């Protein structure tokens, strides 16, 4: 198993990169908390290890609720907002240390988070992600980045569902087109949210 973050990620894959952290919501608080904790842990370790700068990144938090599904029980009316509040709190705590010069508040991290509130299931999570990626590739190209890294962070069972949707030929073609049109290399990382205190 990997001992350090350097055993998992290659520095050259982050050279002049724009980095997107995508997390889908859930109606279970424990599941939602694990996903956000893992996203915060991975992001914070990458920042502290100087893989990229905070300004070279953003979060996409995806999901409203599953009210349209039969026999669904809605605990969070807005999963994306619940995740956003958790994420800001965890990022500030993770990056606050006497050993570094980070000094961020809620407003700073709010500017780095896109809340996607249209999706109500896994298929819609991916539909909305593909839409956001088109804009993100264009932004990265305008910003003269050389590559785009997409981190998809969720529960392991959900990662399988998400990756299955991404692997659809139509979605693969769109991602390849965005990459080709904007002259950007692409890397996609799937990260399970179990053991949220560890980066992998």
C-alpha atoms as a PDB file:
ATOM      1  CA  UNK A   1       0.000   0.000   0.000  1.00  0.00           C
ATOM      2  CA  UNK A   2       1.073   3.598  -0.514  1.00  0.00           C
ATOM      3  CA  UNK A   3       2.965   5.160   2.378  1.00  0.00           C
ATOM      4  CA  UNK A   4       2.926   8.808   1.333  1.00  0.00           C
ATOM      5  CA  UNK A   5       1.101  11.075  -1.051  1.00  0.00           C
ATOM      6  CA  UNK A   6       4.182  10.943  -3.309  1.00  0.00           C
ATOM      7  CA  UNK A   7       3.546   7.214  -3.810  1.00  0.00           C
ATOM      8  CA  UNK A   8       0.132   7.986  -5.290  1.00  0.00           C
ATOM      9  CA  UNK A   9       0.475  11.137  -7.396  1.00  0.00           C
ATOM     10  CA  UNK A  10       3.199  12.118  -9.853  1.00  0.00           C
ATOM     11  CA  UNK A  11       4.462  15.679  -9.591  1.00  0.00           C
ATOM     12  CA  UNK A  12       4.662  16.038 -13.392  1.00  0.00           C
ATOM     13  CA  UNK A  13       0.893  15.469 -13.655  1.00  0.00           C
ATOM     14  CA  UNK A  14       0.387  18.687 -11.702  1.00  0.00           C
ATOM     15  CA  UNK A  15       2.818  20.922 -13.528  1.00  0.00           C
ATOM     16  CA  UNK A  16       0.861  24.011 -14.565  1.00  0.00           C
ATOM     17  CA  UNK A  17      -2.426  22.207 -13.880  1.00  0.00           C
ATOM     18  CA  UNK A  18      -5.988  23.243 -13.175  1.00  0.00           C
ATOM     19  CA  UNK A  19      -7.517  20.902 -10.602  1.00  0.00           C
ATOM     20  CA  UNK A  20     -11.185  20.058 -10.079  1.00  0.00           C
ATOM     21  CA  UNK A  21     -12.495  18.167  -7.066  1.00  0.00           C
ATOM     22  CA  UNK A  22     -15.926  16.677  -7.728  1.00  0.00           C
ATOM     23  CA  UNK A  23     -18.032  15.197  -4.942  1.00  0.00           C
ATOM     24  CA  UNK A  24     -21.601  13.933  -5.236  1.00  0.00           C
ATOM     25  CA  UNK A  25     -24.077  14.244  -2.376  1.00  0.00           C
ATOM     26  CA  UNK A  26     -25.954  11.668  -0.316  1.00  0.00           C
ATOM     27  CA  UNK A  27     -28.902  11.577   2.063  1.00  0.00           C
ATOM     28  CA  UNK A  28     -26.885   9.777   4.738  1.00  0.00           C
ATOM     29  CA  UNK A  29     -25.007  12.252   6.935  1.00  0.00           C
ATOM     30  CA  UNK A  30     -22.257   9.745   7.699  1.00  0.00           C
ATOM     31  CA  UNK A  31     -21.729   9.022   4.009  1.00  0.00           C
ATOM     32  CA  UNK A  32     -21.812  12.696   3.085  1.00  0.00           C
ATOM     33  CA  UNK A  33     -19.388  13.559   5.896  1.00  0.00           C
ATOM     34  CA  UNK A  34     -16.936  10.843   4.798  1.00  0.00           C
ATOM     35  CA  UNK A  35     -16.967  12.080   1.203  1.00  0.00           C
ATOM     36  CA  UNK A  36     -16.298  15.683   2.200  1.00  0.00           C
ATOM     37  CA  UNK A  37     -13.673  14.705   4.750  1.00  0.00           C
ATOM     38  CA  UNK A  38     -11.796  12.706   2.102  1.00  0.00           C
ATOM     39  CA  UNK A  39     -12.027  15.570  -0.417  1.00  0.00           C
ATOM     40  CA  UNK A  40     -10.673  17.991   2.166  1.00  0.00           C
ATOM     41  CA  UNK A  41      -7.890  15.600   3.224  1.00  0.00           C
ATOM     42  CA  UNK A  42      -6.669  14.942  -0.325  1.00  0.00           C
ATOM     43  CA  UNK A  43      -6.850  18.615  -1.304  1.00  0.00           C
ATOM     44  CA  UNK A  44      -5.037  19.783   1.829  1.00  0.00           C
ATOM     45  CA  UNK A  45      -2.233  17.230   1.480  1.00  0.00           C
ATOM     46  CA  UNK A  46      -1.705  18.137  -2.170  1.00  0.00           C
ATOM     47  CA  UNK A  47      -1.499  21.820  -1.239  1.00  0.00           C
ATOM     48  CA  UNK A  48       0.883  21.217   1.667  1.00  0.00           C
ATOM     49  CA  UNK A  49       3.056  19.006  -0.546  1.00  0.00           C
ATOM     50  CA  UNK A  50       3.179  21.846  -3.098  1.00  0.00           C
ATOM     51  CA  UNK A  51       1.702  19.916  -6.002  1.00  0.00           C
ATOM     52  CA  UNK A  52      -0.230  23.039  -6.976  1.00  0.00           C
ATOM     53  CA  UNK A  53      -1.460  26.342  -5.560  1.00  0.00           C
ATOM     54  CA  UNK A  54      -4.901  26.845  -4.081  1.00  0.00           C
ATOM     55  CA  UNK A  55      -5.798  29.344  -6.802  1.00  0.00           C
ATOM     56  CA  UNK A  56      -5.286  26.611  -9.415  1.00  0.00           C
ATOM     57  CA  UNK A  57      -8.314  24.663  -8.237  1.00  0.00           C
ATOM     58  CA  UNK A  58     -12.028  24.522  -7.567  1.00  0.00           C
ATOM     59  CA  UNK A  59     -14.632  22.196  -6.056  1.00  0.00           C
ATOM     60  CA  UNK A  60     -17.854  21.026  -7.676  1.00  0.00           C
ATOM     61  CA  UNK A  61     -20.368  19.764  -5.114  1.00  0.00           C
ATOM     62  CA  UNK A  62     -23.172  17.979  -6.889  1.00  0.00           C
ATOM     63  CA  UNK A  63     -26.691  17.131  -5.773  1.00  0.00           C
ATOM     64  CA  UNK A  64     -29.979  18.467  -4.500  1.00  0.00           C
ATOM     65  CA  UNK A  65     -31.953  15.517  -3.086  1.00  0.00           C
ATOM     66  CA  UNK A  66     -33.572  12.292  -4.255  1.00  0.00           C
ATOM     67  CA  UNK A  67     -37.169  13.382  -3.662  1.00  0.00           C
ATOM     68  CA  UNK A  68     -38.247  12.289  -7.141  1.00  0.00           C
ATOM     69  CA  UNK A  69     -37.337   8.667  -6.389  1.00  0.00           C
ATOM     70  CA  UNK A  70     -40.071   6.356  -5.158  1.00  0.00           C
ATOM     71  CA  UNK A  71     -40.145   5.786  -1.375  1.00  0.00           C
ATOM     72  CA  UNK A  72     -37.259   8.227  -0.908  1.00  0.00           C
ATOM     73  CA  UNK A  73     -36.727   9.839   2.482  1.00  0.00           C
ATOM     74  CA  UNK A  74     -35.317  13.361   2.262  1.00  0.00           C
ATOM     75  CA  UNK A  75     -32.980  14.280   5.089  1.00  0.00           C
ATOM     76  CA  UNK A  76     -31.207  17.146   3.279  1.00  0.00           C
ATOM     77  CA  UNK A  77     -33.283  19.411   1.059  1.00  0.00           C
ATOM     78  CA  UNK A  78     -30.043  20.635  -0.530  1.00  0.00           C
ATOM     79  CA  UNK A  79     -27.153  18.167  -0.384  1.00  0.00           C
ATOM     80  CA  UNK A  80     -24.811  20.567  -2.147  1.00  0.00           C
ATOM     81  CA  UNK A  81     -25.311  23.267   0.490  1.00  0.00           C
ATOM     82  CA  UNK A  82     -24.817  20.761   3.324  1.00  0.00           C
ATOM     83  CA  UNK A  83     -21.552  19.632   1.708  1.00  0.00           C
ATOM     84  CA  UNK A  84     -20.409  23.199   1.152  1.00  0.00           C
ATOM     85  CA  UNK A  85     -20.775  24.125   4.817  1.00  0.00           C
ATOM     86  CA  UNK A  86     -18.911  20.977   5.882  1.00  0.00           C
ATOM     87  CA  UNK A  87     -16.162  21.474   3.323  1.00  0.00           C
ATOM     88  CA  UNK A  88     -15.403  25.075   4.254  1.00  0.00           C
ATOM     89  CA  UNK A  89     -15.138  24.128   7.928  1.00  0.00           C
ATOM     90  CA  UNK A  90     -12.832  21.167   7.211  1.00  0.00           C
ATOM     91  CA  UNK A  91     -10.600  23.066   4.782  1.00  0.00           C
ATOM     92  CA  UNK A  92     -10.044  25.927   7.203  1.00  0.00           C
ATOM     93  CA  UNK A  93      -9.184  23.476  10.001  1.00  0.00           C
ATOM     94  CA  UNK A  94      -6.900  21.378   7.777  1.00  0.00           C
ATOM     95  CA  UNK A  95      -4.923  24.304   6.440  1.00  0.00           C
ATOM     96  CA  UNK A  96      -4.751  26.275   9.689  1.00  0.00           C
ATOM     97  CA  UNK A  97      -1.416  25.572  11.334  1.00  0.00           C
ATOM     98  CA  UNK A  98       1.366  27.522  13.080  1.00  0.00           C
ATOM     99  CA  UNK A  99       3.740  25.928  10.561  1.00  0.00           C
ATOM    100  CA  UNK A 100       2.239  27.576   7.498  1.00  0.00           C
ATOM    101  CA  UNK A 101       1.148  31.023   6.373  1.00  0.00           C
ATOM    102  CA  UNK A 102      -2.350  30.081   5.191  1.00  0.00           C
ATOM    103  CA  UNK A 103      -4.984  32.499   6.378  1.00  0.00           C
ATOM    104  CA  UNK A 104      -8.393  31.870   4.846  1.00  0.00           C
ATOM    105  CA  UNK A 105     -11.956  32.614   5.803  1.00  0.00           C
ATOM    106  CA  UNK A 106     -15.377  31.387   4.683  1.00  0.00           C
ATOM    107  CA  UNK A 107     -15.584  33.920   1.851  1.00  0.00           C
ATOM    108  CA  UNK A 108     -12.294  32.794   0.320  1.00  0.00           C
ATOM    109  CA  UNK A 109     -13.304  29.153   0.058  1.00  0.00           C
ATOM    110  CA  UNK A 110     -16.849  30.032  -0.998  1.00  0.00           C
ATOM    111  CA  UNK A 111     -15.309  31.543  -4.135  1.00  0.00           C
ATOM    112  CA  UNK A 112     -13.636  28.194  -4.902  1.00  0.00           C
ATOM    113  CA  UNK A 113     -16.830  26.107  -4.632  1.00  0.00           C
ATOM    114  CA  UNK A 114     -19.468  25.590  -7.332  1.00  0.00           C
ATOM    115  CA  UNK A 115     -22.736  24.194  -5.979  1.00  0.00           C
ATOM    116  CA  UNK A 116     -24.637  22.114  -8.512  1.00  0.00           C
ATOM    117  CA  UNK A 117     -28.255  21.761  -7.379  1.00  0.00           C
ATOM    118  CA  UNK A 118     -30.040  20.278 -10.399  1.00  0.00           C
ATOM    119  CA  UNK A 119     -29.089  16.603 -10.094  1.00  0.00           C
ATOM    120  CA  UNK A 120     -31.186  14.155  -8.081  1.00  0.00           C
ATOM    121  CA  UNK A 121     -29.456  10.859  -8.933  1.00  0.00           C
ATOM    122  CA  UNK A 122     -26.144   9.464 -10.211  1.00  0.00           C
ATOM    123  CA  UNK A 123     -26.987   9.806 -13.904  1.00  0.00           C
ATOM    124  CA  UNK A 124     -27.841  13.468 -13.401  1.00  0.00           C
ATOM    125  CA  UNK A 125     -24.660  13.990 -11.338  1.00  0.00           C
ATOM    126  CA  UNK A 126     -22.639  13.028 -14.410  1.00  0.00           C
ATOM    127  CA  UNK A 127     -24.774  15.037 -16.843  1.00  0.00           C
ATOM    128  CA  UNK A 128     -24.142  18.142 -14.746  1.00  0.00           C
ATOM    129  CA  UNK A 129     -20.430  17.302 -14.316  1.00  0.00           C
ATOM    130  CA  UNK A 130     -19.952  17.082 -18.096  1.00  0.00           C
ATOM    131  CA  UNK A 131     -21.569  20.521 -18.457  1.00  0.00           C
ATOM    132  CA  UNK A 132     -19.246  21.965 -15.801  1.00  0.00           C
ATOM    133  CA  UNK A 133     -16.210  20.351 -17.421  1.00  0.00           C
ATOM    134  CA  UNK A 134     -16.852  22.134 -20.710  1.00  0.00           C
ATOM    135  CA  UNK A 135     -16.633  25.483 -18.890  1.00  0.00           C
ATOM    136  CA  UNK A 136     -13.643  24.351 -16.821  1.00  0.00           C
ATOM    137  CA  UNK A 137     -11.618  23.285 -19.861  1.00  0.00           C
ATOM    138  CA  UNK A 138     -12.295  26.659 -21.463  1.00  0.00           C
ATOM    139  CA  UNK A 139     -11.274  28.457 -18.257  1.00  0.00           C
ATOM    140  CA  UNK A 140      -8.076  26.401 -18.020  1.00  0.00           C
ATOM    141  CA  UNK A 141      -7.178  27.149 -21.621  1.00  0.00           C
ATOM    142  CA  UNK A 142      -7.733  30.884 -21.147  1.00  0.00           C
ATOM    143  CA  UNK A 143      -5.612  30.704 -17.986  1.00  0.00           C
ATOM    144  CA  UNK A 144      -2.767  29.097 -19.981  1.00  0.00           C
ATOM    145  CA  UNK A 145      -2.812  25.877 -17.973  1.00  0.00           C
ATOM    146  CA  UNK A 146      -1.277  22.823 -19.654  1.00  0.00           C
ATOM    147  CA  UNK A 147      -3.388  20.094 -18.077  1.00  0.00           C
ATOM    148  CA  UNK A 148      -6.620  19.502 -16.198  1.00  0.00           C
ATOM    149  CA  UNK A 149      -6.881  17.071 -13.282  1.00  0.00           C
ATOM    150  CA  UNK A 150     -10.308  15.802 -12.257  1.00  0.00           C
ATOM    151  CA  UNK A 151     -10.661  14.152  -8.842  1.00  0.00           C
ATOM    152  CA  UNK A 152     -13.923  12.258  -8.387  1.00  0.00           C
ATOM    153  CA  UNK A 153     -14.412  11.550  -4.693  1.00  0.00           C
ATOM    154  CA  UNK A 154     -17.269   9.436  -3.382  1.00  0.00           C
ATOM    155  CA  UNK A 155     -18.134   6.217  -1.582  1.00  0.00           C
ATOM    156  CA  UNK A 156     -16.569   3.209  -3.320  1.00  0.00           C
ATOM    157  CA  UNK A 157     -19.905   1.708  -4.416  1.00  0.00           C
ATOM    158  CA  UNK A 158     -20.887   5.103  -5.831  1.00  0.00           C
ATOM    159  CA  UNK A 159     -17.559   5.520  -7.641  1.00  0.00           C
ATOM    160  CA  UNK A 160     -18.396   2.383  -9.615  1.00  0.00           C
ATOM    161  CA  UNK A 161     -21.742   3.879 -10.628  1.00  0.00           C
ATOM    162  CA  UNK A 162     -20.188   7.252 -11.491  1.00  0.00           C
ATOM    163  CA  UNK A 163     -17.356   5.728 -13.526  1.00  0.00           C
ATOM    164  CA  UNK A 164     -19.855   3.566 -15.407  1.00  0.00           C
ATOM    165  CA  UNK A 165     -21.747   6.711 -16.437  1.00  0.00           C
ATOM    166  CA  UNK A 166     -18.529   8.526 -17.401  1.00  0.00           C
ATOM    167  CA  UNK A 167     -17.418   5.524 -19.472  1.00  0.00           C
ATOM    168  CA  UNK A 168     -20.450   5.890 -21.728  1.00  0.00           C
ATOM    169  CA  UNK A 169     -19.127   6.539 -25.209  1.00  0.00           C
ATOM    170  CA  UNK A 170     -20.938   9.874 -25.545  1.00  0.00           C
ATOM    171  CA  UNK A 171     -19.402  11.228 -22.322  1.00  0.00           C
ATOM    172  CA  UNK A 172     -15.922   9.966 -23.200  1.00  0.00           C
ATOM    173  CA  UNK A 173     -16.159  11.673 -26.578  1.00  0.00           C
ATOM    174  CA  UNK A 174     -17.181  14.968 -24.974  1.00  0.00           C
ATOM    175  CA  UNK A 175     -14.272  14.899 -22.517  1.00  0.00           C
ATOM    176  CA  UNK A 176     -11.813  14.035 -25.306  1.00  0.00           C
ATOM    177  CA  UNK A 177     -13.224  16.865 -27.414  1.00  0.00           C
ATOM    178  CA  UNK A 178     -12.908  19.401 -24.571  1.00  0.00           C
ATOM    179  CA  UNK A 179      -9.321  18.275 -24.001  1.00  0.00           C
ATOM    180  CA  UNK A 180      -8.450  18.358 -27.703  1.00  0.00           C
ATOM    181  CA  UNK A 181     -10.161  21.683 -28.469  1.00  0.00           C
ATOM    182  CA  UNK A 182      -8.448  23.416 -25.546  1.00  0.00           C
ATOM    183  CA  UNK A 183      -5.073  21.683 -26.045  1.00  0.00           C
ATOM    184  CA  UNK A 184      -4.985  20.298 -22.512  1.00  0.00           C
ATOM    185  CA  UNK A 185      -3.770  16.985 -21.148  1.00  0.00           C
ATOM    186  CA  UNK A 186      -6.357  15.281 -18.907  1.00  0.00           C
ATOM    187  CA  UNK A 187      -6.002  13.098 -15.824  1.00  0.00           C
ATOM    188  CA  UNK A 188      -8.946  11.554 -13.952  1.00  0.00           C
ATOM    189  CA  UNK A 189      -8.544  10.178 -10.423  1.00  0.00           C
ATOM    190  CA  UNK A 190     -11.207   8.092  -8.650  1.00  0.00           C
ATOM    191  CA  UNK A 191     -10.874   8.271  -4.858  1.00  0.00           C
ATOM    192  CA  UNK A 192     -12.948   6.234  -2.417  1.00  0.00           C
ATOM    193  CA  UNK A 193     -14.270   7.962   0.689  1.00  0.00           C
ATOM    194  CA  UNK A 194     -13.884   5.051   3.087  1.00  0.00           C
ATOM    195  CA  UNK A 195     -11.148   5.667   5.708  1.00  0.00           C
ATOM    196  CA  UNK A 196     -11.620   9.429   5.292  1.00  0.00           C
ATOM    197  CA  UNK A 197      -8.645  10.304   7.530  1.00  0.00           C
ATOM    198  CA  UNK A 198      -6.247   8.808   4.964  1.00  0.00           C
ATOM    199  CA  UNK A 199      -5.468  10.218   1.550  1.00  0.00           C
ATOM    200  CA  UNK A 200      -5.822   6.889  -0.258  1.00  0.00           C
END
